[in-house]
């Protein structure tokens, strides 16, 4: 468990950003991962009074505040329809309902955790993050950025026409995934996002017109996606799962009807 000297409820994003420039301070999300650390924190910065919780849906996009709990994403009917159930599938195995009522989308995305189901599923969509100072940038670009002291304000999902699936393998029901995969078909493009490699999510894209078979796609994906070993699984097994998920995605999305 961490220790903290002070707790501050930020009155504005500018105040929160200024406080966060001090390395010994930390922004509070759901605080579920932070509490696992042994950090000595000077000030905990709480964003809960800034109106950054909730999901706004319009004709063109979903706008999700950084303090929105994962459970709210899981139950949102608009996200359910748009993602073909993939968002709910990605979130349902994250510990339990009580946990998902506390964990926030901002904390999950900003941490860019290698095990993250949240990062993987949204990376398959036409997604952007809004940073307080850095502005709006594609989530795919954000994944590869080095951590800094900016504040993630919102996650923005453009309603690009797509068909989406989510797959994962776990050693037990609520454990971190051994490997996860979000697959999106947009026009002639098939995008596969692999997370829990273990490492930050990696993206593999291919035009459907260039894919000769599910087996050929699986082979190319296995060559492109780097996997490693840890206590949950070995690299060879994860690479095998890359092949399995790639074949499954092609069979589900390659020529089938939309969900």
Protein backbone atom coordinates (compact mmCIF):
# COMPACT_ATOMS: atom_id res chain seq x y z
CA UNK A 1 0.00 0.00 0.00
CA UNK A 2 1.23 3.52 -0.82
CA UNK A 3 1.49 6.38 1.66
CA UNK A 4 0.48 9.98 0.89
CA UNK A 5 1.02 13.21 2.80
CA UNK A 6 -1.85 15.24 1.31
CA UNK A 7 -5.07 14.75 -0.63
CA UNK A 8 -6.19 17.52 -3.02
CA UNK A 9 -9.46 17.81 -4.95
CA UNK A 10 -8.48 19.82 -8.02
CA UNK A 11 -10.75 22.77 -8.82
CA UNK A 12 -9.67 22.89 -12.47
CA UNK A 13 -7.66 20.92 -15.00
CA UNK A 14 -5.02 23.64 -14.97
CA UNK A 15 -4.58 23.21 -11.22
CA UNK A 16 -4.44 19.44 -11.58
CA UNK A 17 -1.88 19.70 -14.40
CA UNK A 18 0.35 22.06 -12.39
CA UNK A 19 0.26 19.80 -9.35
CA UNK A 20 1.03 16.78 -11.51
CA UNK A 21 4.26 18.31 -12.79
CA UNK A 22 5.81 17.51 -9.41
CA UNK A 23 7.19 13.99 -9.69
CA UNK A 24 6.21 13.03 -6.14
CA UNK A 25 2.51 13.80 -6.80
CA UNK A 26 0.02 11.40 -8.43
CA UNK A 27 -3.36 11.75 -10.14
CA UNK A 28 -6.05 9.49 -8.65
CA UNK A 29 -8.17 7.47 -11.05
CA UNK A 30 -10.00 4.54 -9.49
CA UNK A 31 -6.86 4.03 -7.35
CA UNK A 32 -7.14 0.26 -7.75
CA UNK A 33 -3.73 -0.21 -9.35
CA UNK A 34 -2.10 2.64 -7.41
CA UNK A 35 -2.97 1.00 -4.09
CA UNK A 36 -0.84 -2.00 -5.09
CA UNK A 37 2.28 0.18 -5.08
CA UNK A 38 4.59 1.10 -2.23
CA UNK A 39 5.09 4.68 -3.32
CA UNK A 40 5.66 7.59 -0.98
CA UNK A 41 3.36 10.18 -2.53
CA UNK A 42 3.41 13.85 -1.63
CA UNK A 43 -0.06 14.84 -2.95
CA UNK A 44 -2.90 12.73 -4.32
CA UNK A 45 -4.71 14.71 -7.03
CA UNK A 46 -8.43 13.93 -7.32
CA UNK A 47 -10.28 14.89 -10.54
CA UNK A 48 -13.73 13.81 -9.36
CA UNK A 49 -15.12 17.37 -9.02
CA UNK A 50 -14.32 18.34 -12.64
CA UNK A 51 -17.33 16.71 -14.33
CA UNK A 52 -15.22 14.19 -16.21
CA UNK A 53 -17.40 11.16 -15.57
CA UNK A 54 -20.02 9.97 -18.01
CA UNK A 55 -20.48 9.03 -21.66
CA UNK A 56 -21.82 11.48 -24.24
CA UNK A 57 -23.08 9.98 -27.50
CA UNK A 58 -23.94 11.91 -30.65
CA UNK A 59 -24.30 11.03 -34.33
CA UNK A 60 -20.56 11.03 -34.94
CA UNK A 61 -18.81 9.87 -31.79
CA UNK A 62 -18.74 8.74 -28.18
CA UNK A 63 -17.03 11.11 -25.75
CA UNK A 64 -16.00 9.34 -22.54
CA UNK A 65 -14.72 11.30 -19.54
CA UNK A 66 -11.57 10.03 -17.88
CA UNK A 67 -13.33 9.42 -14.55
CA UNK A 68 -16.02 7.20 -16.08
CA UNK A 69 -16.14 3.78 -14.36
CA UNK A 70 -15.59 0.70 -16.49
CA UNK A 71 -18.96 -0.64 -15.39
CA UNK A 72 -20.68 2.31 -17.08
CA UNK A 73 -18.93 1.44 -20.36
CA UNK A 74 -19.92 -2.20 -19.93
CA UNK A 75 -23.62 -1.32 -19.57
CA UNK A 76 -23.90 1.52 -22.11
CA UNK A 77 -26.43 0.46 -24.80
CA UNK A 78 -24.88 2.67 -27.49
CA UNK A 79 -21.41 1.19 -27.02
CA UNK A 80 -22.96 -2.27 -26.90
CA UNK A 81 -24.60 -1.77 -30.29
CA UNK A 82 -21.69 -0.01 -31.95
CA UNK A 83 -19.03 -2.49 -30.77
CA UNK A 84 -21.12 -5.59 -31.54
CA UNK A 85 -20.81 -6.50 -27.85
CA UNK A 86 -17.00 -6.39 -27.93
CA UNK A 87 -16.70 -3.73 -25.20
CA UNK A 88 -18.82 -5.77 -22.82
CA UNK A 89 -16.86 -8.91 -23.70
CA UNK A 90 -13.55 -7.13 -23.03
CA UNK A 91 -14.65 -5.78 -19.65
CA UNK A 92 -16.68 -8.62 -18.17
CA UNK A 93 -13.67 -10.61 -16.91
CA UNK A 94 -11.92 -7.69 -15.20
CA UNK A 95 -12.05 -8.93 -11.58
CA UNK A 96 -15.71 -8.30 -10.67
CA UNK A 97 -18.58 -5.81 -10.74
CA UNK A 98 -17.43 -4.03 -7.57
CA UNK A 99 -13.98 -3.53 -9.10
CA UNK A 100 -15.41 -2.26 -12.39
CA UNK A 101 -17.60 0.20 -10.49
CA UNK A 102 -14.39 1.84 -9.22
CA UNK A 103 -11.83 1.41 -12.01
CA UNK A 104 -11.87 4.31 -14.47
CA UNK A 105 -11.33 4.43 -18.22
CA UNK A 106 -8.77 7.23 -17.80
CA UNK A 107 -6.67 5.23 -15.38
CA UNK A 108 -6.86 2.16 -17.59
CA UNK A 109 -5.90 3.99 -20.79
CA UNK A 110 -3.33 6.41 -19.37
CA UNK A 111 -1.35 3.63 -17.70
CA UNK A 112 -0.90 1.82 -21.04
CA UNK A 113 -0.60 -1.39 -19.08
CA UNK A 114 0.60 -4.42 -20.97
CA UNK A 115 -2.22 -6.54 -19.54
CA UNK A 116 -5.02 -4.07 -20.35
CA UNK A 117 -8.21 -5.39 -21.95
CA UNK A 118 -9.52 -1.81 -22.05
CA UNK A 119 -6.61 -0.48 -24.10
CA UNK A 120 -6.77 -3.42 -26.51
CA UNK A 121 -10.47 -3.15 -27.37
CA UNK A 122 -10.47 0.62 -27.88
CA UNK A 123 -7.27 0.51 -29.95
CA UNK A 124 -9.18 -1.53 -32.54
CA UNK A 125 -11.67 1.32 -33.01
CA UNK A 126 -11.18 4.78 -34.50
CA UNK A 127 -10.17 6.11 -31.08
CA UNK A 128 -8.48 9.28 -29.84
CA UNK A 129 -7.35 10.57 -26.46
CA UNK A 130 -7.66 14.18 -25.39
CA UNK A 131 -4.73 15.34 -23.27
CA UNK A 132 -4.96 18.58 -21.33
CA UNK A 133 -1.82 20.08 -22.88
CA UNK A 134 -1.10 17.62 -25.69
CA UNK A 135 -4.49 17.98 -27.38
CA UNK A 136 -6.29 15.24 -29.29
CA UNK A 137 -4.14 12.44 -30.70
CA UNK A 138 -4.92 8.94 -32.03
CA UNK A 139 -4.95 6.23 -29.39
CA UNK A 140 -2.66 4.15 -31.61
CA UNK A 141 -0.06 6.93 -31.38
CA UNK A 142 -0.61 7.41 -27.64
CA UNK A 143 0.11 3.73 -26.98
CA UNK A 144 3.66 4.15 -28.24
CA UNK A 145 4.41 7.42 -26.44
CA UNK A 146 6.68 7.58 -23.42
CA UNK A 147 4.85 8.37 -20.16
CA UNK A 148 4.80 12.07 -19.29
CA UNK A 149 3.07 14.34 -16.76
CA UNK A 150 0.11 15.38 -18.92
CA UNK A 151 -3.47 14.55 -17.91
CA UNK A 152 -5.77 12.38 -19.99
CA UNK A 153 -9.12 14.20 -20.07
CA UNK A 154 -11.31 12.18 -22.44
CA UNK A 155 -11.43 9.15 -24.70
CA UNK A 156 -13.13 9.85 -28.04
CA UNK A 157 -14.51 7.07 -30.25
CA UNK A 158 -15.42 8.04 -33.81
CA UNK A 159 -18.40 6.14 -35.18
CA UNK A 160 -16.55 4.76 -38.16
CA UNK A 161 -18.52 1.91 -39.74
CA UNK A 162 -16.92 -1.31 -38.54
CA UNK A 163 -17.52 -4.82 -37.32
CA UNK A 164 -15.72 -5.74 -34.12
CA UNK A 165 -14.86 -8.88 -32.13
CA UNK A 166 -12.95 -9.49 -28.90
CA UNK A 167 -11.12 -12.65 -27.86
CA UNK A 168 -9.05 -13.59 -24.82
CA UNK A 169 -7.61 -16.61 -23.02
CA UNK A 170 -7.24 -16.64 -19.23
CA UNK A 171 -5.90 -19.23 -16.83
CA UNK A 172 -8.77 -18.40 -14.48
CA UNK A 173 -11.98 -16.42 -14.84
CA UNK A 174 -10.89 -13.06 -13.39
CA UNK A 175 -7.12 -13.26 -13.92
CA UNK A 176 -5.18 -11.09 -16.36
CA UNK A 177 -5.37 -12.43 -19.89
CA UNK A 178 -2.67 -14.76 -21.19
CA UNK A 179 -3.31 -13.01 -24.51
CA UNK A 180 -6.13 -10.80 -25.73
CA UNK A 181 -7.13 -9.65 -29.20
CA UNK A 182 -9.56 -7.12 -30.63
CA UNK A 183 -10.36 -7.53 -34.32
CA UNK A 184 -12.04 -4.83 -36.42
CA UNK A 185 -13.17 -4.90 -40.03
CA UNK A 186 -13.48 -1.48 -41.65
CA UNK A 187 -14.24 -1.65 -45.37
CA UNK A 188 -11.53 -3.83 -46.88
CA UNK A 189 -9.20 -3.40 -43.89
CA UNK A 190 -8.77 -5.92 -41.09
CA UNK A 191 -7.12 -4.60 -37.93
CA UNK A 192 -5.92 -6.98 -35.21
CA UNK A 193 -4.80 -5.58 -31.86
CA UNK A 194 -2.95 -7.97 -29.53
CA UNK A 195 -2.45 -7.19 -25.85
CA UNK A 196 -1.09 -9.00 -22.78
CA UNK A 197 1.79 -10.29 -24.94
CA UNK A 198 2.89 -9.43 -22.14
CA UNK A 199 3.47 -5.83 -23.20
CA UNK A 200 1.65 -2.83 -24.60
CA UNK A 201 -0.88 -3.62 -27.28
CA UNK A 202 0.50 -4.11 -30.80
CA UNK A 203 -1.49 -3.48 -34.00
CA UNK A 204 -1.40 -5.62 -37.14
CA UNK A 205 -3.35 -4.48 -40.21
CA UNK A 206 -4.00 -6.12 -43.57
CA UNK A 207 -6.33 -5.58 -46.51
CA UNK A 208 -8.78 -8.43 -46.85
CA UNK A 209 -8.16 -8.49 -50.59
CA UNK A 210 -4.50 -9.34 -49.85
CA UNK A 211 -5.30 -12.28 -47.55
CA UNK A 212 -5.34 -15.63 -49.33
CA UNK A 213 -6.51 -17.69 -46.36
CA UNK A 214 -6.96 -17.70 -42.60
CA UNK A 215 -3.75 -19.73 -42.31
CA UNK A 216 -1.71 -17.18 -44.26
CA UNK A 217 -3.04 -14.35 -42.10
CA UNK A 218 -2.20 -16.32 -38.96
CA UNK A 219 1.36 -16.87 -40.14
CA UNK A 220 1.93 -13.19 -40.94
CA UNK A 221 0.46 -12.07 -37.63
CA UNK A 222 2.63 -14.53 -35.70
CA UNK A 223 5.72 -13.14 -37.47
CA UNK A 224 4.76 -9.52 -36.74
CA UNK A 225 3.61 -9.76 -33.13
CA UNK A 226 6.34 -10.09 -30.53
CA UNK A 227 5.49 -12.26 -27.52
CA UNK A 228 7.38 -12.97 -24.32
CA UNK A 229 7.19 -15.34 -21.38
CA UNK A 230 6.07 -14.68 -17.82
CA UNK A 231 4.45 -16.63 -14.99
CA UNK A 232 1.15 -16.97 -16.87
CA UNK A 233 2.43 -18.42 -20.13
CA UNK A 234 5.43 -18.92 -22.37
CA UNK A 235 6.20 -16.96 -25.52
CA UNK A 236 5.62 -19.99 -27.77
CA UNK A 237 2.13 -20.53 -26.36
CA UNK A 238 1.28 -16.85 -26.81
CA UNK A 239 2.47 -16.99 -30.41
CA UNK A 240 0.24 -20.02 -30.90
CA UNK A 241 -2.68 -17.94 -29.56
CA UNK A 242 -1.83 -15.13 -31.99
CA UNK A 243 -2.35 -17.64 -34.79
CA UNK A 244 -5.59 -18.92 -33.27
CA UNK A 245 -7.05 -15.43 -32.79
CA UNK A 246 -6.00 -14.31 -36.27
CA UNK A 247 -7.72 -17.33 -37.85
CA UNK A 248 -10.80 -16.78 -35.73
CA UNK A 249 -10.96 -13.10 -36.65
CA UNK A 250 -10.67 -13.87 -40.36
CA UNK A 251 -13.37 -16.53 -40.17
CA UNK A 252 -15.67 -14.21 -38.19
CA UNK A 253 -15.04 -11.03 -40.17
CA UNK A 254 -13.44 -11.96 -43.49
CA UNK A 255 -16.65 -12.40 -45.37
CA UNK A 256 -19.34 -12.93 -42.83
CA UNK A 257 -22.34 -10.80 -42.12
CA UNK A 258 -22.09 -7.88 -39.71
CA UNK A 259 -23.12 -8.59 -36.13
